[in-house]
Amino acid sequence: MLGEAYERLHLTGPEYHGYLSNHGPMVAEAMVRHGHGHAVNPWLDVYMCRLEEFPRGIGPIGSDWQEALGDVRRVADWTAFFPPRD
């Protein structure tokens, strides 16, 4: 159940509606861990309507990485720079 929730949330951005945090992954995990896994998908059906797609990057992070620090437009670039570990 949790893996399915993460998969659904994977393409959503970390923020929405003017920098509100997307807490979807944490809420889904808390629901599953507390025995409410059956309620995750119905909750996601409603919650995900608020979310935005994962933002597009500007360009690769390179030697100018310090200029990219704190720039919310660069979240996709940082995500690509630090890919998930297997």
C-alpha atoms as a PDB file:
ATOM      1  CA  MET A   1       0.000   0.000   0.000  1.00  0.00           C
ATOM      2  CA  LEU A   2       2.741   2.455   0.914  1.00  0.00           C
ATOM      3  CA  GLY A   3       4.682   1.758  -2.282  1.00  0.00           C
ATOM      4  CA  GLU A   4       1.560   2.435  -4.327  1.00  0.00           C
ATOM      5  CA  ALA A   5       1.042   5.736  -2.519  1.00  0.00           C
ATOM      6  CA  TYR A   6       4.649   6.770  -3.148  1.00  0.00           C
ATOM      7  CA  GLU A   7       4.261   5.855  -6.806  1.00  0.00           C
ATOM      8  CA  ARG A   8       1.161   8.026  -7.102  1.00  0.00           C
ATOM      9  CA  LEU A   9       2.911  10.952  -5.417  1.00  0.00           C
ATOM     10  CA  HIS A  10       6.189  10.547  -7.302  1.00  0.00           C
ATOM     11  CA  LEU A  11       5.344  12.992 -10.086  1.00  0.00           C
ATOM     12  CA  THR A  12       4.022  15.704  -7.799  1.00  0.00           C
ATOM     13  CA  GLY A  13       6.037  18.681  -6.702  1.00  0.00           C
ATOM     14  CA  PRO A  14       7.348  19.303  -3.197  1.00  0.00           C
ATOM     15  CA  GLU A  15       5.260  22.471  -2.828  1.00  0.00           C
ATOM     16  CA  TYR A  16       1.951  23.902  -4.040  1.00  0.00           C
ATOM     17  CA  HIS A  17      -0.206  27.033  -3.821  1.00  0.00           C
ATOM     18  CA  GLY A  18       2.583  29.463  -3.062  1.00  0.00           C
ATOM     19  CA  TYR A  19       5.095  27.328  -1.199  1.00  0.00           C
ATOM     20  CA  LEU A  20       2.813  25.165   0.940  1.00  0.00           C
ATOM     21  CA  SER A  21       4.586  21.876   1.606  1.00  0.00           C
ATOM     22  CA  ASN A  22       3.386  18.655   0.016  1.00  0.00           C
ATOM     23  CA  HIS A  23       3.091  16.355   3.027  1.00  0.00           C
ATOM     24  CA  GLY A  24       1.472  13.549   1.037  1.00  0.00           C
ATOM     25  CA  PRO A  25       4.284  10.992   1.451  1.00  0.00           C
ATOM     26  CA  MET A  26       4.499  11.530   5.207  1.00  0.00           C
ATOM     27  CA  VAL A  27       0.731  11.379   5.707  1.00  0.00           C
ATOM     28  CA  ALA A  28       0.466   8.185   3.643  1.00  0.00           C
ATOM     29  CA  GLU A  29       3.207   6.564   5.700  1.00  0.00           C
ATOM     30  CA  ALA A  30       1.628   7.617   8.993  1.00  0.00           C
ATOM     31  CA  MET A  31      -1.748   6.247   7.895  1.00  0.00           C
ATOM     32  CA  VAL A  32      -0.243   2.888   6.913  1.00  0.00           C
ATOM     33  CA  ARG A  33       1.917   2.606  10.047  1.00  0.00           C
ATOM     34  CA  HIS A  34      -1.091   3.319  12.271  1.00  0.00           C
ATOM     35  CA  GLY A  35      -3.281   0.678  10.628  1.00  0.00           C
ATOM     36  CA  HIS A  36      -5.272   2.874   8.263  1.00  0.00           C
ATOM     37  CA  GLY A  37      -3.792   1.701   4.968  1.00  0.00           C
ATOM     38  CA  HIS A  38      -7.279   1.108   3.592  1.00  0.00           C
ATOM     39  CA  ALA A  39      -7.905   4.871   3.752  1.00  0.00           C
ATOM     40  CA  VAL A  40      -4.760   5.980   1.905  1.00  0.00           C
ATOM     41  CA  ASN A  41      -6.061   5.788  -1.676  1.00  0.00           C
ATOM     42  CA  PRO A  42      -9.357   7.595  -0.965  1.00  0.00           C
ATOM     43  CA  TRP A  43      -7.416  10.305   0.904  1.00  0.00           C
ATOM     44  CA  LEU A  44      -4.927  10.621  -1.981  1.00  0.00           C
ATOM     45  CA  ASP A  45      -7.788  10.931  -4.484  1.00  0.00           C
ATOM     46  CA  VAL A  46      -8.832  14.144  -2.736  1.00  0.00           C
ATOM     47  CA  TYR A  47      -5.417  15.476  -1.680  1.00  0.00           C
ATOM     48  CA  MET A  48      -3.731  15.062  -5.063  1.00  0.00           C
ATOM     49  CA  CYS A  49      -6.230  17.424  -6.717  1.00  0.00           C
ATOM     50  CA  ARG A  50      -4.436  20.267  -4.922  1.00  0.00           C
ATOM     51  CA  LEU A  51      -0.930  19.299  -5.964  1.00  0.00           C
ATOM     52  CA  GLU A  52       1.102  20.528  -8.878  1.00  0.00           C
ATOM     53  CA  GLU A  53       3.284  18.494 -11.205  1.00  0.00           C
ATOM     54  CA  PHE A  54       6.950  18.132 -10.378  1.00  0.00           C
ATOM     55  CA  PRO A  55       8.660  21.309 -11.662  1.00  0.00           C
ATOM     56  CA  ARG A  56      10.882  21.312 -14.694  1.00  0.00           C
ATOM     57  CA  GLY A  57      14.523  22.114 -14.204  1.00  0.00           C
ATOM     58  CA  ILE A  58      16.463  25.056 -15.540  1.00  0.00           C
ATOM     59  CA  GLY A  59      19.668  23.152 -16.246  1.00  0.00           C
ATOM     60  CA  PRO A  60      22.228  20.853 -14.713  1.00  0.00           C
ATOM     61  CA  ILE A  61      23.921  21.794 -11.462  1.00  0.00           C
ATOM     62  CA  GLY A  62      27.602  22.312 -12.200  1.00  0.00           C
ATOM     63  CA  SER A  63      30.487  24.412 -11.043  1.00  0.00           C
ATOM     64  CA  ASP A  64      28.069  27.279 -10.369  1.00  0.00           C
ATOM     65  CA  TRP A  65      26.223  25.172  -7.777  1.00  0.00           C
ATOM     66  CA  GLN A  66      26.432  27.905  -5.126  1.00  0.00           C
ATOM     67  CA  GLU A  67      24.267  30.204  -7.246  1.00  0.00           C
ATOM     68  CA  ALA A  68      21.571  27.506  -7.329  1.00  0.00           C
ATOM     69  CA  LEU A  69      21.362  27.191  -3.523  1.00  0.00           C
ATOM     70  CA  GLY A  70      17.973  28.247  -2.200  1.00  0.00           C
ATOM     71  CA  ASP A  71      16.510  28.841  -5.665  1.00  0.00           C
ATOM     72  CA  VAL A  72      13.110  27.102  -5.577  1.00  0.00           C
ATOM     73  CA  ARG A  73      13.068  26.988  -9.362  1.00  0.00           C
ATOM     74  CA  ARG A  74      16.033  24.582  -9.208  1.00  0.00           C
ATOM     75  CA  VAL A  75      14.426  21.765  -7.173  1.00  0.00           C
ATOM     76  CA  ALA A  76      14.338  19.489 -10.235  1.00  0.00           C
ATOM     77  CA  ASP A  77      17.974  20.285 -10.978  1.00  0.00           C
ATOM     78  CA  TRP A  78      19.003  19.373  -7.432  1.00  0.00           C
ATOM     79  CA  THR A  79      16.916  16.200  -7.601  1.00  0.00           C
ATOM     80  CA  ALA A  80      18.794  15.171 -10.744  1.00  0.00           C
ATOM     81  CA  PHE A  81      22.113  16.088  -9.134  1.00  0.00           C
ATOM     82  CA  PHE A  82      21.411  13.787  -6.155  1.00  0.00           C
ATOM     83  CA  PRO A  83      19.641  10.801  -7.726  1.00  0.00           C
ATOM     84  CA  PRO A  84      17.991   8.229  -5.438  1.00  0.00           C
ATOM     85  CA  ARG A  85      20.136   5.331  -4.305  1.00  0.00           C
ATOM     86  CA  ASP A  86      19.079   1.766  -5.024  1.00  0.00           C
END
